[in-house]
Each structure stands twice: as C-alpha cells, then as structure tokens.
Protein backbone atom coordinates (compact mmCIF):
# COMPACT_ATOMS: atom_id res chain seq x y z
CA MET A 1 40.62 -7.39 -13.17
CA LYS A 2 39.46 -5.15 -10.33
CA SER A 3 37.02 -6.65 -7.84
CA LYS A 4 34.50 -4.45 -6.02
CA ARG A 5 33.75 -5.52 -2.46
CA ILE A 6 30.03 -5.29 -1.67
CA ALA A 7 28.57 -5.46 1.83
CA ILE A 8 24.98 -6.67 2.03
CA VAL A 9 22.62 -4.92 4.44
CA GLY A 10 20.67 -7.65 6.23
CA ALA A 11 21.42 -11.30 6.92
CA GLY A 12 18.13 -13.14 6.31
CA GLY A 13 16.87 -15.23 3.45
CA PHE A 14 16.74 -12.50 0.83
CA ALA A 15 20.23 -11.31 1.82
CA ARG A 16 21.55 -14.81 1.04
CA GLU A 17 19.68 -14.80 -2.27
CA LEU A 18 21.24 -11.43 -3.03
CA ALA A 19 24.70 -12.85 -2.37
CA TRP A 20 23.93 -15.53 -4.97
CA LEU A 21 22.78 -12.86 -7.44
CA ILE A 22 26.04 -10.96 -6.96
CA SER A 23 27.97 -14.19 -7.51
CA ASP A 24 26.10 -14.76 -10.78
CA ILE A 25 26.95 -11.22 -11.91
CA ALA A 26 30.60 -11.79 -11.02
CA HIS A 27 30.75 -15.02 -13.03
CA ASP A 28 28.80 -13.77 -16.05
CA ARG A 29 30.79 -14.87 -19.08
CA SER A 30 28.67 -12.95 -21.58
CA GLN A 31 30.80 -9.87 -21.02
CA GLN A 32 33.86 -9.72 -23.21
CA GLU A 33 36.92 -8.84 -21.12
CA PRO A 34 35.03 -7.21 -18.25
CA SER A 35 37.07 -4.49 -16.53
CA GLU A 36 35.79 -5.28 -13.05
CA THR A 37 33.79 -7.81 -11.08
CA MET A 38 32.11 -8.04 -7.68
CA GLU A 39 32.51 -10.05 -4.51
CA VAL A 40 30.48 -10.16 -1.31
CA ALA A 41 32.47 -8.86 1.65
CA GLY A 42 29.84 -10.07 4.13
CA PHE A 43 26.61 -9.03 5.80
CA LEU A 44 25.76 -6.03 7.98
CA VAL A 45 23.01 -6.09 10.62
CA SER A 46 21.35 -3.41 12.73
CA ASP A 47 22.30 -5.07 16.04
CA SER A 48 25.42 -7.22 16.11
CA ALA A 49 24.65 -8.30 19.71
CA LYS A 50 21.98 -10.63 18.35
CA VAL A 51 24.37 -12.39 15.98
CA SER A 52 25.37 -15.98 16.72
CA GLU A 53 29.04 -17.03 16.67
CA ARG A 54 28.10 -19.36 13.82
CA ASP A 55 27.28 -16.41 11.60
CA SER A 56 30.84 -16.08 10.33
CA ASP A 57 29.83 -13.92 7.36
CA ILE A 58 28.41 -11.19 9.61
CA LEU A 59 30.75 -8.21 9.50
CA GLY A 60 29.01 -6.39 12.36
CA ASP A 61 26.49 -3.61 12.72
CA PHE A 62 26.48 -0.44 10.64
CA THR A 63 29.24 1.15 12.71
CA TRP A 64 31.57 -1.40 11.06
CA LEU A 65 31.53 0.88 8.03
CA GLU A 66 33.14 3.68 10.03
CA LYS A 67 36.48 1.85 10.23
CA ASN A 68 36.39 -0.61 7.34
CA HIS A 69 36.31 -0.21 3.59
CA VAL A 70 33.86 -1.57 1.05
CA ASP A 71 33.22 -0.34 -2.48
CA GLY A 72 29.46 -0.60 -2.32
CA LEU A 73 26.37 -1.54 -0.34
CA ALA A 74 23.43 -3.71 -1.40
CA MET A 75 20.01 -3.90 0.27
CA GLY A 76 19.29 -7.50 1.30
CA ILE A 77 15.95 -6.82 3.01
CA GLY A 78 12.54 -7.66 1.53
CA SER A 79 10.35 -5.15 3.41
CA PRO A 80 9.63 -1.98 1.37
CA GLU A 81 9.42 0.27 4.42
CA VAL A 82 12.72 -1.01 5.83
CA ARG A 83 14.46 -0.86 2.46
CA LEU A 84 13.44 2.77 2.03
CA ARG A 85 14.22 3.85 5.60
CA LEU A 86 17.56 2.07 5.96
CA GLY A 87 18.68 2.91 2.45
CA GLN A 88 18.12 6.62 2.97
CA GLU A 89 19.66 6.52 6.45
CA LEU A 90 22.82 4.74 5.30
CA LYS A 91 23.13 6.99 2.28
CA ARG A 92 23.17 9.99 4.63
CA ARG A 93 25.61 8.40 7.11
CA PHE A 94 28.02 7.07 4.50
CA PRO A 95 27.76 9.32 1.43
CA GLY A 96 31.06 8.07 0.03
CA ILE A 97 29.85 4.48 -0.39
CA SER A 98 28.02 3.69 -3.62
CA TRP A 99 24.86 1.64 -4.10
CA PRO A 100 25.39 -0.30 -7.36
CA VAL A 101 22.49 -1.34 -9.54
CA LEU A 102 22.33 -5.15 -9.35
CA ILE A 103 20.72 -6.80 -12.38
CA HIS A 104 20.92 -10.53 -12.87
CA PRO A 105 22.55 -11.51 -16.21
CA SER A 106 19.34 -13.30 -17.30
CA VAL A 107 17.24 -10.11 -17.18
CA LYS A 108 16.13 -8.63 -20.51
CA TYR A 109 15.53 -4.89 -20.82
CA HIS A 110 15.79 -2.11 -23.39
CA GLU A 111 18.48 0.55 -23.26
CA SER A 112 15.76 3.19 -22.68
CA CYS A 113 15.14 1.84 -19.16
CA ARG A 114 16.49 3.79 -16.19
CA PHE A 115 17.56 2.22 -12.90
CA ALA A 116 18.50 4.37 -9.88
CA PRO A 117 21.24 3.48 -7.38
CA GLY A 118 20.39 0.60 -5.05
CA VAL A 119 17.94 -1.07 -7.43
CA THR A 120 17.93 -4.88 -7.50
CA ILE A 121 16.40 -6.92 -10.33
CA CYS A 122 16.49 -10.68 -9.79
CA ALA A 123 16.72 -13.50 -12.31
CA GLY A 124 14.20 -14.12 -15.07
CA ASN A 125 12.66 -10.67 -15.39
CA ILE A 126 11.67 -8.89 -18.61
CA ALA A 127 11.41 -5.09 -18.64
CA THR A 128 10.50 -3.63 -22.00
CA VAL A 129 10.99 0.07 -22.88
CA ASN A 130 11.09 3.45 -21.09
CA ILE A 131 10.82 1.92 -17.62
CA ALA A 132 12.01 3.86 -14.55
CA ILE A 133 12.82 2.14 -11.25
CA GLU A 134 13.78 4.39 -8.34
CA GLU A 135 16.37 3.94 -5.59
CA PHE A 136 16.29 0.85 -3.36
CA ALA A 137 13.37 -0.71 -5.25
CA MET A 138 13.50 -4.44 -5.90
CA VAL A 139 11.91 -6.68 -8.53
CA ASN A 140 11.99 -10.31 -7.48
CA LEU A 141 12.09 -13.39 -9.68
CA SER A 142 10.35 -13.86 -13.06
CA CYS A 143 8.22 -10.72 -13.45
CA THR A 144 7.19 -8.83 -16.58
CA ILE A 145 7.14 -5.03 -16.67
CA GLY A 146 5.47 -3.21 -19.56
CA HIS A 147 6.41 0.00 -21.36
CA GLU A 148 6.51 3.36 -19.54
CA THR A 149 6.01 1.78 -16.13
CA SER A 150 7.56 3.50 -13.10
CA ILE A 151 8.31 1.87 -9.75
CA GLY A 152 8.91 4.16 -6.77
CA ALA A 153 11.71 4.21 -4.21
CA GLY A 154 11.92 1.20 -1.91
CA SER A 155 9.02 -0.62 -3.52
CA VAL A 156 9.13 -4.42 -3.76
CA VAL A 157 7.58 -6.43 -6.59
CA ASN A 158 7.43 -10.10 -5.66
CA PRO A 159 7.83 -13.11 -8.00
CA LEU A 160 5.66 -13.90 -11.02
CA THR A 161 3.98 -10.48 -11.13
CA ALA A 162 2.77 -9.06 -14.46
CA ILE A 163 2.73 -5.26 -14.70
CA SER A 164 1.13 -3.85 -17.83
CA GLY A 165 2.27 -0.75 -19.67
CA GLY A 166 1.97 2.74 -18.24
CA VAL A 167 1.54 1.65 -14.59
CA LYS A 168 2.72 4.10 -11.92
CA ILE A 169 3.76 2.47 -8.64
CA GLY A 170 4.53 4.85 -5.78
CA LYS A 171 7.22 4.59 -3.12
CA GLY A 172 7.28 1.95 -0.39
CA VAL A 173 4.72 -0.27 -2.15
CA LEU A 174 4.54 -4.02 -1.55
CA VAL A 175 3.29 -6.05 -4.51
CA GLY A 176 2.60 -9.66 -3.56
CA THR A 177 3.47 -12.81 -5.49
CA HIS A 178 1.62 -13.56 -8.75
CA VAL A 179 -0.16 -10.20 -8.99
CA ALA A 180 -1.52 -8.77 -12.27
CA ILE A 181 -1.78 -4.98 -12.65
CA LEU A 182 -3.65 -3.73 -15.70
CA GLN A 183 -2.45 -0.92 -17.92
CA TYR A 184 -2.22 2.79 -17.00
CA LEU A 185 -3.18 2.36 -13.36
CA SER A 186 -1.65 4.17 -10.36
CA ILE A 187 -0.65 2.48 -7.12
CA GLY A 188 -0.33 5.01 -4.26
CA ASP A 189 2.61 5.31 -1.88
CA HIS A 190 2.93 2.60 0.80
CA ALA A 191 0.06 0.54 -0.62
CA VAL A 192 -0.02 -3.26 -0.27
CA ILE A 193 -1.33 -5.56 -3.00
CA GLY A 194 -2.09 -9.06 -1.75
CA SER A 195 -0.70 -12.14 -3.46
CA GLY A 196 -2.72 -13.36 -6.43
CA ALA A 197 -4.66 -10.10 -6.83
CA MET A 198 -5.78 -8.71 -10.16
CA VAL A 199 -5.70 -4.91 -10.02
CA ASN A 200 -8.09 -3.20 -12.45
CA LYS A 201 -8.53 0.14 -10.65
CA ASP A 202 -6.22 2.73 -9.11
CA VAL A 203 -5.10 1.93 -5.55
CA GLU A 204 -5.09 4.71 -2.95
CA PRO A 205 -1.98 5.48 -0.86
CA ASN A 206 -1.62 3.28 2.25
CA ALA A 207 -4.45 1.00 1.11
CA THR A 208 -4.34 -2.80 1.20
CA VAL A 209 -6.13 -4.53 -1.66
CA MET A 210 -6.64 -8.20 -2.41
CA GLY A 211 -8.69 -10.55 -4.54
CA VAL A 212 -9.88 -10.86 -8.15
CA PRO A 213 -10.61 -8.16 -8.95
CA ALA A 214 -8.65 -6.43 -6.19
CA LYS A 215 -10.69 -4.62 -3.54
CA PRO A 216 -9.80 -2.87 -0.28
CA LYS A 217 -9.09 -5.42 2.44
CA ALA A 218 -12.18 -4.74 4.59
CA MET A 219 -14.48 -4.94 1.58
CA ALA A 220 -12.84 -8.13 0.33
CA VAL A 221 -13.21 -9.83 3.72
CA SER A 222 -16.86 -8.80 4.11
CA ALA A 223 -17.63 -10.00 0.58
CA SER A 224 -16.42 -13.47 1.45
C-alpha cells in the first residue's frame, strides 16, 4: 500500500487537530483494500527561527519544500485570511505539490457535492446535495450544510453551525461557532459572523454581524 506524505502548514492547535484527522483517514477501515493511505511528514511554519528545540515535528519554514519531498500539503491554520493568502502563495511557489481534499470518515455527503483542492471537512459534518466548497475552505466539527450551498475560497465555518439550503458564502468569510444561517441568503466576501448569531438577511462584504437576529456590529452594540 502506497503512503502519501503530507506536510501540514502551521503548527498551532488546529494543525495538531488536522494531524489527527489525517490519522483517522489513514486508519479508516471502511475502505475495502484501499490503494493508498496518508501519513503526516511534519509541520511547516513561516519563520523557523521562532521554533523551540522541543518542537521535533517542525520540518522548518517554507523553504524546506525546495529541497525535500512531500506528496501533498494541508492547511492547518484557522484564520480565513491567512488560509487564503498562504494557500495561494504556496500554490504559486510549489505548483508540483498537491493539496488533497481531507474529509473525515464520519462525514456524510452526496456524490453531487464538489470539493476543491485544499478543502478540509472535520468530523461529524453532514453535507446534503449539490454543495460546492472552494479551495482552502474549512468546515469544522459537527456542522450541517443544506442543498445547493456554496462556500468560497479560504472561508472557515466553525463548529455546530447550521447552514440552510441555497446559501452563498463568499471567499475569506469567518463563520463563528453555533451560527444559524437561513435559506437562500448571501454572505459577502471577508465578512465575519459572530458566534451564536442567527442570520436572516444578506450580509455585506467585509461586514461583521452578531446577535439574534444578526445585525452589523456597531448597531448590535448600540442596541444593547
């Protein structure tokens, strides 16, 4: 059985969670006679000078890739803006290295769903039909995603979020924990939705909304 070596970009908490996700994929016994598996080669950071000697799993900074071989890269960073920027930068610098789609074995989704390179979907998620998730986007633990939803490049959907059908989420969006987004709404590029919000109207690009129902940040603060 061939094993693909994956280097994780980042070395923080989510990077360690991503290593666990890759381990679960590698040990998934539901596949009958899988032709290949995955293993984590280690972690890459932007500045290796800041790495402690105790961080034995740190391979180095991104220049490490110039002289060493891995089969793929995975984005272990939770910030949408950083995921999008670094992902696109590394894709340009190292075009020969793939970005595998990482989907935990527990995730349920229909064959009509489409996942671009670099997408990560963590444990416990349910994605129904005709869903499109663009490059470097991430869906964290235990979310539900309804029919015909699209999630833009680099966007991050945090745990326990419920996205209704037909929702359009732009690129670089941060969706906080335990958010509800009602059907057929649009979330503009680089918007932020605060944890616990209930979104019942479109959200403008670059806006921050919070509350139940969700309102722009300044309005929500003044209302309280």
